[in-house]
Structure formats: structure tokens, C-alpha cells
N, C-alpha and C. Protein backbone atom coordinates (compact mmCIF):
# COMPACT_ATOMS: atom_id res chain seq x y z
N MET A 1 -11.83 -1.06 0.71
CA MET A 1 -12.02 -1.63 0.33
C MET A 1 -13.07 -3.06 0.43
N TYR A 2 -13.67 -2.96 1.21
CA TYR A 2 -15.20 -3.69 1.50
C TYR A 2 -16.04 -3.12 0.10
N LEU A 3 -16.69 -2.08 -0.23
CA LEU A 3 -17.03 -2.06 -1.19
C LEU A 3 -16.32 -2.72 -2.97
N GLU A 4 -15.55 -2.56 -2.81
CA GLU A 4 -14.25 -3.30 -4.12
C GLU A 4 -14.63 -4.94 -4.18
N ARG A 5 -14.93 -5.38 -2.78
CA ARG A 5 -14.98 -6.82 -2.78
C ARG A 5 -16.61 -7.19 -3.43
N VAL A 6 -17.60 -6.18 -2.55
CA VAL A 6 -18.79 -6.05 -2.53
C VAL A 6 -19.29 -5.73 -4.42
N GLU A 7 -18.53 -5.44 -4.95
CA GLU A 7 -18.31 -5.38 -6.76
C GLU A 7 -17.90 -6.84 -7.55
N TYR A 8 -16.58 -7.45 -6.40
CA TYR A 8 -16.59 -8.85 -7.05
C TYR A 8 -17.41 -9.30 -7.10
N TYR A 9 -18.21 -9.38 -6.09
CA TYR A 9 -19.06 -10.25 -5.72
C TYR A 9 -20.51 -10.28 -6.78
N PHE A 10 -21.08 -8.83 -7.01
CA PHE A 10 -22.30 -8.19 -7.47
C PHE A 10 -21.22 -8.64 -9.43
N GLU A 11 -20.62 -8.77 -9.69
CA GLU A 11 -19.85 -9.39 -10.88
C GLU A 11 -19.43 -10.86 -11.02
N ALA A 12 -18.81 -11.60 -10.09
CA ALA A 12 -19.33 -12.95 -9.89
C ALA A 12 -20.54 -13.89 -9.92
N ASN A 13 -21.85 -13.46 -9.90
CA ASN A 13 -22.93 -13.28 -9.11
C ASN A 13 -23.58 -12.53 -10.38
N ASP A 14 -23.37 -12.36 -11.40
CA ASP A 14 -24.06 -11.25 -12.27
C ASP A 14 -25.03 -10.93 -11.80
N ILE A 15 -25.08 -10.25 -10.66
CA ILE A 15 -26.36 -9.15 -10.06
C ILE A 15 -25.50 -8.09 -10.92
N ALA A 16 -27.68 -7.78 -11.80
CA ALA A 16 -27.11 -6.45 -12.78
C ALA A 16 -27.29 -5.10 -11.92
N ASP A 17 -27.13 -4.03 -12.64
CA ASP A 17 -27.41 -2.96 -11.79
C ASP A 17 -28.97 -2.80 -11.10
N GLY A 18 -29.69 -2.46 -11.86
CA GLY A 18 -31.02 -2.76 -11.02
C GLY A 18 -30.82 -3.63 -9.95
N ARG A 19 -30.57 -4.62 -9.49
CA ARG A 19 -30.78 -5.04 -8.45
C ARG A 19 -29.37 -4.84 -7.38
N ARG A 20 -28.13 -3.76 -7.78
CA ARG A 20 -26.92 -3.86 -6.67
C ARG A 20 -27.44 -2.91 -5.64
N LYS A 21 -28.34 -2.25 -5.12
CA LYS A 21 -28.91 -1.07 -4.04
C LYS A 21 -29.28 -2.28 -3.31
N ALA A 22 -30.30 -3.11 -3.85
CA ALA A 22 -30.87 -4.27 -2.63
C ALA A 22 -29.88 -4.72 -2.13
N ALA A 23 -29.50 -5.36 -3.50
CA ALA A 23 -27.82 -6.59 -2.71
C ALA A 23 -27.08 -6.10 -1.69
N LEU A 24 -26.57 -4.53 -2.03
CA LEU A 24 -26.06 -4.33 -1.55
C LEU A 24 -26.91 -3.65 0.25
N LEU A 25 -27.45 -3.13 0.08
CA LEU A 25 -27.79 -3.28 2.17
C LEU A 25 -28.29 -4.25 2.38
N SER A 26 -28.33 -5.69 1.75
CA SER A 26 -29.28 -7.28 1.83
C SER A 26 -27.54 -7.63 2.69
N LEU A 27 -26.67 -7.17 1.83
CA LEU A 27 -25.39 -7.38 2.18
C LEU A 27 -24.47 -6.76 3.32
N ILE A 28 -24.92 -5.51 3.72
CA ILE A 28 -24.23 -5.14 4.92
C ILE A 28 -24.27 -5.27 6.52
N GLY A 29 -24.13 -5.34 7.41
CA GLY A 29 -24.99 -5.79 8.82
C GLY A 29 -25.29 -5.03 9.26
N PRO A 30 -25.90 -4.95 10.06
CA PRO A 30 -27.04 -3.93 10.66
C PRO A 30 -26.19 -2.80 11.23
N ASP A 31 -25.28 -2.63 11.98
CA ASP A 31 -24.45 -2.00 12.17
C ASP A 31 -24.28 -0.92 11.16
N THR A 32 -24.17 -1.64 10.08
CA THR A 32 -23.64 -0.16 8.62
C THR A 32 -24.81 0.38 8.53
N PHE A 33 -25.41 -0.88 8.76
CA PHE A 33 -26.82 -0.42 7.79
C PHE A 33 -27.30 0.64 8.06
N LYS A 34 -27.70 1.03 9.70
CA LYS A 34 -28.10 1.85 10.75
C LYS A 34 -27.64 3.69 10.40
N LEU A 35 -25.47 2.85 10.59
CA LEU A 35 -24.85 4.36 9.85
C LEU A 35 -25.50 4.40 9.14
N LEU A 36 -25.96 3.92 7.88
CA LEU A 36 -26.29 4.11 6.26
C LEU A 36 -27.82 5.06 6.98
N ARG A 37 -28.26 5.37 7.35
CA ARG A 37 -29.44 5.49 7.53
C ARG A 37 -29.10 6.60 8.46
N SER A 38 -28.03 6.84 9.25
CA SER A 38 -27.66 8.23 10.39
C SER A 38 -27.34 9.08 9.47
N LEU A 39 -26.46 8.21 7.95
CA LEU A 39 -26.09 9.51 7.29
C LEU A 39 -27.14 10.04 6.49
N LEU A 40 -27.79 9.21 5.72
CA LEU A 40 -28.44 10.00 4.38
C LEU A 40 -29.88 10.53 5.65
N VAL A 41 -29.70 10.76 7.26
CA VAL A 41 -30.57 11.76 7.56
C VAL A 41 -32.18 12.07 7.19
N LEU A 42 -32.61 12.78 6.16
CA LEU A 42 -34.03 12.74 5.96
C LEU A 42 -34.62 11.92 5.19
N HIS A 43 -33.97 11.16 4.93
CA HIS A 43 -34.47 9.62 3.78
C HIS A 43 -33.94 8.69 3.90
N THR A 44 -34.51 7.45 3.53
CA THR A 44 -33.96 6.45 3.58
C THR A 44 -32.74 6.03 2.60
N PRO A 45 -32.56 5.08 2.84
CA PRO A 45 -31.93 4.40 1.86
C PRO A 45 -32.76 4.15 0.42
N ALA A 46 -33.73 3.39 0.28
CA ALA A 46 -34.68 3.26 -0.75
C ALA A 46 -34.93 4.77 -1.56
N ASP A 47 -34.68 5.63 -1.50
CA ASP A 47 -34.74 6.55 -1.92
C ASP A 47 -33.31 7.34 -2.66
N TYR A 48 -32.16 6.20 -2.85
CA TYR A 48 -30.93 7.00 -2.76
C TYR A 48 -30.90 6.00 -4.14
N SER A 49 -29.59 5.68 -5.43
CA SER A 49 -29.18 4.94 -5.46
C SER A 49 -27.71 4.35 -5.45
N TYR A 50 -27.80 3.30 -5.69
CA TYR A 50 -26.97 2.63 -5.54
C TYR A 50 -26.02 3.11 -5.59
N ASP A 51 -25.16 4.14 -6.67
CA ASP A 51 -24.05 4.89 -6.27
C ASP A 51 -24.18 5.75 -5.44
N GLU A 52 -24.70 6.81 -4.95
CA GLU A 52 -25.14 7.52 -4.01
C GLU A 52 -25.04 6.95 -2.72
N LEU A 53 -25.50 6.01 -2.40
CA LEU A 53 -25.35 4.73 -1.02
C LEU A 53 -24.09 4.71 -1.04
N LYS A 54 -23.16 3.99 -2.51
CA LYS A 54 -21.72 3.89 -1.92
C LYS A 54 -21.53 5.10 -2.23
N GLU A 55 -21.65 5.97 -2.66
CA GLU A 55 -20.47 7.20 -2.02
C GLU A 55 -20.74 8.01 -0.79
N SER A 56 -21.80 7.23 0.07
CA SER A 56 -22.51 7.80 1.30
C SER A 56 -21.19 7.17 2.33
N LEU A 57 -21.46 5.35 2.02
CA LEU A 57 -20.22 4.57 2.89
C LEU A 57 -19.06 5.21 2.70
N SER A 58 -18.91 5.29 1.64
CA SER A 58 -17.22 5.51 0.55
C SER A 58 -16.54 6.96 1.78
N ALA A 59 -17.53 8.17 1.87
CA ALA A 59 -17.40 9.55 2.32
C ALA A 59 -16.57 8.76 3.93
N HIS A 60 -17.69 8.57 4.43
CA HIS A 60 -17.63 7.60 6.19
C HIS A 60 -16.65 7.19 6.46
N PHE A 61 -15.85 5.99 5.42
CA PHE A 61 -15.17 5.17 5.95
C PHE A 61 -13.63 5.36 5.38
N CYS A 62 -13.81 6.09 4.28
CA CYS A 62 -12.21 5.97 3.71
C CYS A 62 -13.07 8.13 3.23
N PRO A 63 -12.12 8.58 3.76
CA PRO A 63 -12.66 10.53 3.63
C PRO A 63 -11.13 10.33 3.10
N LYS A 64 -11.78 10.98 1.89
CA LYS A 64 -10.64 11.62 1.36
C LYS A 64 -9.30 12.33 1.82
N ARG A 65 -8.03 12.23 1.78
CA ARG A 65 -7.40 12.88 2.14
C ARG A 65 -6.48 13.59 0.97
N SER A 66 -5.67 14.52 1.18
CA SER A 66 -4.74 15.35 -0.01
C SER A 66 -3.04 14.47 -0.04
N GLN A 67 -2.92 14.85 -1.47
CA GLN A 67 -1.69 13.78 -1.87
C GLN A 67 -0.35 14.54 -0.47
N VAL A 68 -0.72 15.28 -0.37
CA VAL A 68 0.46 15.76 0.58
C VAL A 68 0.41 15.46 1.87
N PHE A 69 -0.94 15.03 2.00
CA PHE A 69 -0.49 13.65 3.55
C PHE A 69 -0.12 12.34 2.90
N TYR A 70 -0.34 11.71 2.09
CA TYR A 70 -0.08 10.39 1.18
C TYR A 70 1.10 10.44 1.33
N ARG A 71 1.86 11.17 0.43
CA ARG A 71 3.24 11.62 0.06
C ARG A 71 4.09 12.10 1.27
N SER A 72 3.93 12.83 2.19
CA SER A 72 4.55 12.59 3.48
C SER A 72 4.43 11.51 3.83
N GLN A 73 3.29 10.67 4.14
CA GLN A 73 3.60 9.56 4.81
C GLN A 73 4.92 7.99 4.01
N PHE A 74 4.69 8.32 2.50
CA PHE A 74 5.61 7.86 2.08
C PHE A 74 7.44 8.30 2.29
N PHE A 75 7.44 9.82 2.07
CA PHE A 75 8.41 9.90 2.49
C PHE A 75 8.87 9.50 3.77
N GLN A 76 8.50 9.35 4.69
CA GLN A 76 8.96 9.39 5.87
C GLN A 76 9.28 7.71 6.94
N CYS A 77 8.60 6.85 5.02
CA CYS A 77 8.81 5.35 5.47
C CYS A 77 10.35 5.02 5.20
N VAL A 78 10.09 4.23 6.63
CA VAL A 78 11.57 3.90 6.67
C VAL A 78 11.50 1.96 7.48
N GLN A 79 12.09 1.05 6.74
CA GLN A 79 12.60 0.12 6.78
C GLN A 79 12.48 0.19 8.25
N LYS A 80 11.51 -1.36 8.32
CA LYS A 80 11.85 -1.32 10.22
C LYS A 80 12.11 -2.73 10.95
N HIS A 81 13.01 -2.52 11.69
CA HIS A 81 13.51 -3.28 12.30
C HIS A 81 13.46 -5.15 11.76
N GLY A 82 13.94 -6.18 11.33
CA GLY A 82 13.74 -7.20 11.47
C GLY A 82 12.45 -7.25 10.05
N THR A 83 12.89 -6.55 9.10
CA THR A 83 11.60 -5.76 8.20
C THR A 83 12.37 -6.42 7.17
N THR A 84 12.11 -7.28 5.54
CA THR A 84 12.86 -7.29 4.60
C THR A 84 12.82 -5.97 3.28
N ILE A 85 13.97 -6.19 2.48
CA ILE A 85 14.19 -5.43 1.14
C ILE A 85 12.42 -5.78 0.47
N ALA A 86 12.02 -7.24 0.71
CA ALA A 86 10.60 -6.67 -0.06
C ALA A 86 9.59 -6.48 0.18
N SER A 87 9.49 -6.63 1.52
CA SER A 87 8.56 -6.75 2.75
C SER A 87 8.86 -4.28 2.38
N TYR A 88 9.66 -4.26 2.33
CA TYR A 88 9.54 -2.46 2.98
C TYR A 88 9.44 -2.28 1.46
N LEU A 89 9.84 -2.97 0.30
CA LEU A 89 9.32 -1.98 -0.69
C LEU A 89 7.79 -2.42 -1.27
N SER A 90 7.48 -3.41 -0.95
CA SER A 90 6.23 -3.67 -0.68
C SER A 90 5.51 -2.62 0.08
N GLU A 91 5.55 -1.73 0.99
CA GLU A 91 4.91 -1.15 1.97
C GLU A 91 5.07 0.09 1.18
N LEU A 92 6.68 0.30 0.48
CA LEU A 92 5.87 1.63 -0.17
C LEU A 92 5.47 1.76 -1.75
N GLN A 93 5.51 1.06 -2.00
CA GLN A 93 4.32 0.63 -3.09
C GLN A 93 2.89 0.81 -2.94
N THR A 94 2.61 0.56 -1.19
CA THR A 94 1.54 0.76 -0.49
C THR A 94 0.73 1.85 -0.88
N LEU A 95 2.35 2.73 0.25
CA LEU A 95 1.94 3.76 0.36
C LEU A 95 2.26 4.69 -0.90
N ALA A 96 2.52 5.22 -1.77
CA ALA A 96 2.65 5.36 -3.29
C ALA A 96 0.88 5.37 -3.87
N LYS A 97 0.36 4.61 -3.27
CA LYS A 97 -0.49 4.64 -4.73
C LYS A 97 -1.93 5.78 -5.01
N ASP A 98 -1.02 6.16 -3.87
CA ASP A 98 -2.28 7.40 -3.45
C ASP A 98 -1.52 8.90 -3.50
N CYS A 99 -0.24 8.19 -3.72
CA CYS A 99 0.84 9.83 -4.12
C CYS A 99 0.58 10.61 -5.45
N GLY A 100 0.27 10.09 -6.91
CA GLY A 100 0.27 10.58 -7.45
C GLY A 100 1.13 11.26 -8.47
N PHE A 101 2.40 10.09 -8.31
CA PHE A 101 3.14 10.38 -8.75
C PHE A 101 3.56 10.52 -10.11
N GLY A 102 2.78 8.88 -10.74
CA GLY A 102 2.87 9.43 -12.59
C GLY A 102 4.39 8.65 -13.20
N ASP A 103 5.12 8.83 -13.92
CA ASP A 103 5.82 9.15 -14.26
C ASP A 103 6.93 8.71 -13.83
N LEU A 104 7.26 9.74 -12.39
CA LEU A 104 8.04 9.57 -11.36
C LEU A 104 8.53 8.52 -10.86
N LEU A 105 7.08 7.90 -10.54
CA LEU A 105 6.94 6.56 -9.49
C LEU A 105 8.40 5.49 -9.42
N ASN A 106 8.28 5.22 -10.24
CA ASN A 106 9.67 4.42 -10.89
C ASN A 106 11.29 4.87 -9.65
N ASN A 107 11.33 5.97 -9.83
CA ASN A 107 12.76 6.88 -9.54
C ASN A 107 12.20 7.05 -8.31
N LEU A 108 11.27 6.83 -7.79
CA LEU A 108 10.85 7.86 -6.18
C LEU A 108 11.21 6.50 -5.33
N LEU A 109 10.28 6.10 -6.21
CA LEU A 109 10.58 4.33 -5.37
C LEU A 109 11.79 4.26 -5.04
N ARG A 110 13.31 4.31 -6.26
CA ARG A 110 14.48 3.72 -5.73
C ARG A 110 14.89 4.86 -4.50
N ASN A 111 14.52 5.89 -4.77
CA ASN A 111 15.71 6.55 -3.88
C ASN A 111 14.43 6.59 -2.67
N ARG A 112 13.82 6.38 -2.73
CA ARG A 112 12.99 6.65 -0.67
C ARG A 112 13.72 4.61 -1.14
N LEU A 113 13.59 3.85 -1.49
CA LEU A 113 14.26 2.48 -1.15
C LEU A 113 15.91 2.78 -0.96
N ILE A 114 16.30 3.90 -1.07
CA ILE A 114 17.88 4.19 -0.83
C ILE A 114 18.30 4.25 -0.01
N CYS A 115 16.82 5.62 0.37
CA CYS A 115 16.73 6.20 1.83
C CYS A 115 16.72 5.86 2.74
N GLY A 116 15.69 4.46 2.82
CA GLY A 116 14.85 4.50 3.87
C GLY A 116 15.92 2.85 4.47
N VAL A 117 17.28 2.32 3.40
CA VAL A 117 17.14 1.05 4.22
C VAL A 117 17.85 0.91 5.30
N SER A 118 17.54 0.32 5.93
CA SER A 118 18.02 0.21 7.43
C SER A 118 19.02 -0.44 7.43
N ASP A 119 20.74 -0.86 6.38
CA ASP A 119 21.85 -1.45 6.47
C ASP A 119 22.14 -0.40 5.95
N PRO A 120 23.36 0.00 6.34
CA PRO A 120 23.83 1.45 5.75
C PRO A 120 24.86 0.57 4.80
N ALA A 121 25.39 -0.51 4.77
CA ALA A 121 26.33 -0.86 3.87
C ALA A 121 25.45 -1.40 2.45
N ILE A 122 24.32 -1.35 2.31
CA ILE A 122 23.32 -1.17 1.08
C ILE A 122 23.59 0.43 0.84
N ARG A 123 23.50 1.29 1.56
CA ARG A 123 22.59 2.38 0.92
C ARG A 123 24.07 3.18 1.16
N LYS A 124 24.91 2.37 1.07
CA LYS A 124 26.52 3.03 0.46
C LYS A 124 26.93 2.74 -0.62
N HIS A 125 26.47 1.45 -1.13
CA HIS A 125 26.53 0.11 -1.94
C HIS A 125 25.72 1.41 -3.08
N PHE A 126 24.02 1.43 -2.18
CA PHE A 126 23.63 2.29 -4.15
C PHE A 126 24.26 3.60 -4.00
N LEU A 127 24.33 4.11 -3.34
CA LEU A 127 25.16 5.35 -3.35
C LEU A 127 26.48 5.79 -4.26
N THR A 128 26.86 4.33 -4.81
CA THR A 128 28.54 4.07 -5.73
C THR A 128 27.56 4.13 -6.86
N LYS A 129 26.41 3.37 -6.86
CA LYS A 129 25.49 3.09 -7.98
C LYS A 129 25.56 4.80 -9.24
N GLY A 130 25.50 5.63 -8.35
CA GLY A 130 25.08 6.37 -9.45
C GLY A 130 23.61 6.93 -10.10
N ASP A 131 23.52 7.89 -10.42
CA ASP A 131 22.20 7.90 -11.86
C ASP A 131 21.43 6.62 -12.58
N ASP A 132 22.18 5.78 -12.88
CA ASP A 132 21.72 4.90 -13.44
C ASP A 132 21.30 3.75 -13.46
N LEU A 133 21.43 3.68 -11.96
CA LEU A 133 20.47 2.68 -10.96
C LEU A 133 18.98 2.32 -11.25
N THR A 134 18.49 1.25 -11.43
CA THR A 134 17.26 1.57 -11.79
C THR A 134 16.78 0.65 -10.38
N LEU A 135 15.25 0.82 -10.29
CA LEU A 135 14.73 0.26 -8.70
C LEU A 135 14.89 -1.43 -9.22
N LYS A 136 14.43 -1.59 -10.59
CA LYS A 136 14.99 -3.18 -10.84
C LYS A 136 16.43 -3.80 -10.05
N ASP A 137 17.77 -2.68 -10.51
CA ASP A 137 18.93 -3.50 -10.47
C ASP A 137 18.91 -2.84 -8.66
N ALA A 138 18.20 -1.84 -8.08
CA ALA A 138 18.38 -1.68 -6.83
C ALA A 138 18.32 -3.08 -5.87
N MET A 139 16.79 -3.66 -6.03
CA MET A 139 16.38 -4.71 -5.93
C MET A 139 16.73 -6.23 -5.64
N LYS A 140 17.55 -6.43 -6.58
CA LYS A 140 18.34 -7.35 -7.13
C LYS A 140 19.57 -7.39 -6.16
N ASP A 141 20.41 -5.86 -6.23
CA ASP A 141 21.27 -5.60 -5.08
C ASP A 141 21.07 -5.79 -3.74
N ALA A 142 19.98 -5.74 -3.87
CA ALA A 142 19.85 -5.30 -2.34
C ALA A 142 19.42 -6.61 -1.55
N THR A 143 18.33 -7.60 -2.34
CA THR A 143 18.08 -8.29 -2.03
C THR A 143 18.98 -9.40 -2.16
N THR A 144 20.27 -9.75 -2.73
CA THR A 144 21.09 -10.85 -2.85
C THR A 144 22.16 -10.35 -1.83
N MET A 145 22.60 -8.70 -1.02
CA MET A 145 23.25 -8.27 -0.20
C MET A 145 22.32 -8.84 1.19
N GLU A 146 20.94 -8.70 0.74
CA GLU A 146 20.27 -9.13 2.47
C GLU A 146 20.16 -10.61 2.73
N ALA A 147 20.03 -11.62 0.94
CA ALA A 147 21.08 -13.35 1.29
C ALA A 147 22.11 -13.42 2.32
N VAL A 148 23.43 -12.71 1.75
CA VAL A 148 24.36 -12.88 2.22
C VAL A 148 24.73 -12.86 3.26
N VAL A 149 23.64 -12.03 3.84
CA VAL A 149 24.13 -11.65 5.72
C VAL A 149 23.71 -12.37 6.60
N LYS A 150 22.41 -12.88 5.76
CA LYS A 150 21.49 -14.06 6.60
C LYS A 150 22.33 -15.41 6.27
N THR A 151 22.52 -15.57 5.39
CA THR A 151 23.69 -17.18 4.74
C THR A 151 24.95 -16.76 6.00
N LEU A 152 25.54 -15.98 6.21
CA LEU A 152 26.87 -15.73 7.12
C LEU A 152 26.36 -16.56 8.25
N LYS A 153 24.80 -15.33 8.83
CA LYS A 153 24.44 -15.79 10.64
C LYS A 153 24.02 -17.68 10.63
N THR A 154 23.73 -17.77 9.40
CA THR A 154 23.38 -19.47 10.10
C THR A 154 24.82 -20.12 9.87
N LEU A 155 25.57 -19.58 9.22
CA LEU A 155 26.94 -20.30 9.29
C LEU A 155 27.66 -20.11 11.04
N ASP A 156 27.59 -18.94 11.39
CA ASP A 156 27.96 -18.72 12.21
C ASP A 156 27.50 -17.31 12.83
N PRO A 157 26.49 -17.73 13.95
CA PRO A 157 25.26 -16.20 14.38
C PRO A 157 26.32 -15.91 15.04
N ASN A 158 27.65 -16.08 15.49
CA ASN A 158 28.26 -15.10 16.19
C ASN A 158 29.15 -13.77 15.58
N LYS A 159 29.41 -14.24 13.42
CA LYS A 159 30.37 -13.56 13.66
C LYS A 159 29.96 -12.92 12.36
N ALA A 160 28.27 -13.09 12.29
CA ALA A 160 28.14 -12.43 11.17
C ALA A 160 28.30 -10.69 10.83
N PRO A 161 29.30 -10.05 10.63
CA PRO A 161 28.91 -8.63 9.66
C PRO A 161 28.23 -7.67 9.33
N MET A 162 28.00 -6.96 8.70
CA MET A 162 27.03 -6.46 8.46
C MET A 162 27.35 -6.29 7.66
N THR A 163 27.16 -5.63 5.82
CA THR A 163 27.44 -6.23 4.92
C THR A 163 28.86 -5.40 4.23
N LYS A 164 29.81 -5.67 3.77
CA LYS A 164 30.65 -4.74 3.08
C LYS A 164 30.24 -4.39 1.71
N ALA A 165 29.81 -3.61 1.65
CA ALA A 165 30.06 -2.60 0.01
C ALA A 165 30.89 -2.02 -0.56
N ALA A 166 31.44 -1.80 -1.72
CA ALA A 166 32.11 -1.44 -2.14
C ALA A 166 31.95 0.10 -2.20
């Protein structure tokens, strides 16, 4: 993410390709500069192109993991206590970005939302909808049901039941 922000800095400040290496080396802190020198072993940063330096830092700080790893995290994600449906979906979307789901993304997000939602009444509601339920409709239904429960709790905190679904 740091290197992505550096790219935006270069764009915002019209830093030409030929000056990006020097700019990067001056922007990184002393600890990162020292680390970079150790990663390059026999050479100095001056001996490498901007893209090579960027690749060395990326390989160290963000080692590439397999899709199996990312998909495992995605499929194990469940809504945490106190987390809203919107926050849960946002977490799922973040986890899905490296999964390579392609055209299946929305269906898999919908399925994971159904399986991972913490309120059993909302899950039951989803399951009664069948295959025609879209991710958009699932989000709309879930956030509406969530808002109803929250409203009931504010009206009478001692009598707010779990949501009842058809």
C-alpha cells in the first residue's frame, strides 16, 4: 500500500519516470533504506531501476500468497459480534479482491453473506428467497432487518427479540 501511495505522490507532483528512483530513495525512511540495501546484497540501490527497487520492496513486505490462501480466508469469514451487515460485506469484499473469483464474485459474496451472517433469522430469511436472491437484494433485506432490530432495542431494550423472518 505504501508503494501505491508513492505512485500517487509521483503523479500529483509530476515526477518523471527518470526521477522516480531518486524520489523513492529519498521518501523511504532510514530503516527501509537500510533494509533495501540488505535486500540488494552485492549492489547499491543506484545499480537498479525504479521498478526493480519497487519489486524488491514489494517482495519483502507483501510476499505473494496463493489464491488458495486468500480463498480460505474468504470462506472462513463470519460476521463478528457487534459488526453491522454493511461492515461484514465490506470485509468480505476486501478479502475477495485477491481470490480471483471473476464473474462468480457477486454470487460468492452473496453466498458467504448468507452463510456467515450472525443472526439466524436473517439467514433463514435469505434461504427462503432461493436462487433468485441477488447480492444487492440480500444487502437491502439484511440492512432493513438489522435496522428494525436496532429500532426495537431503542424503543424497549428489555423486549427486543431476535428478528423473525418468514
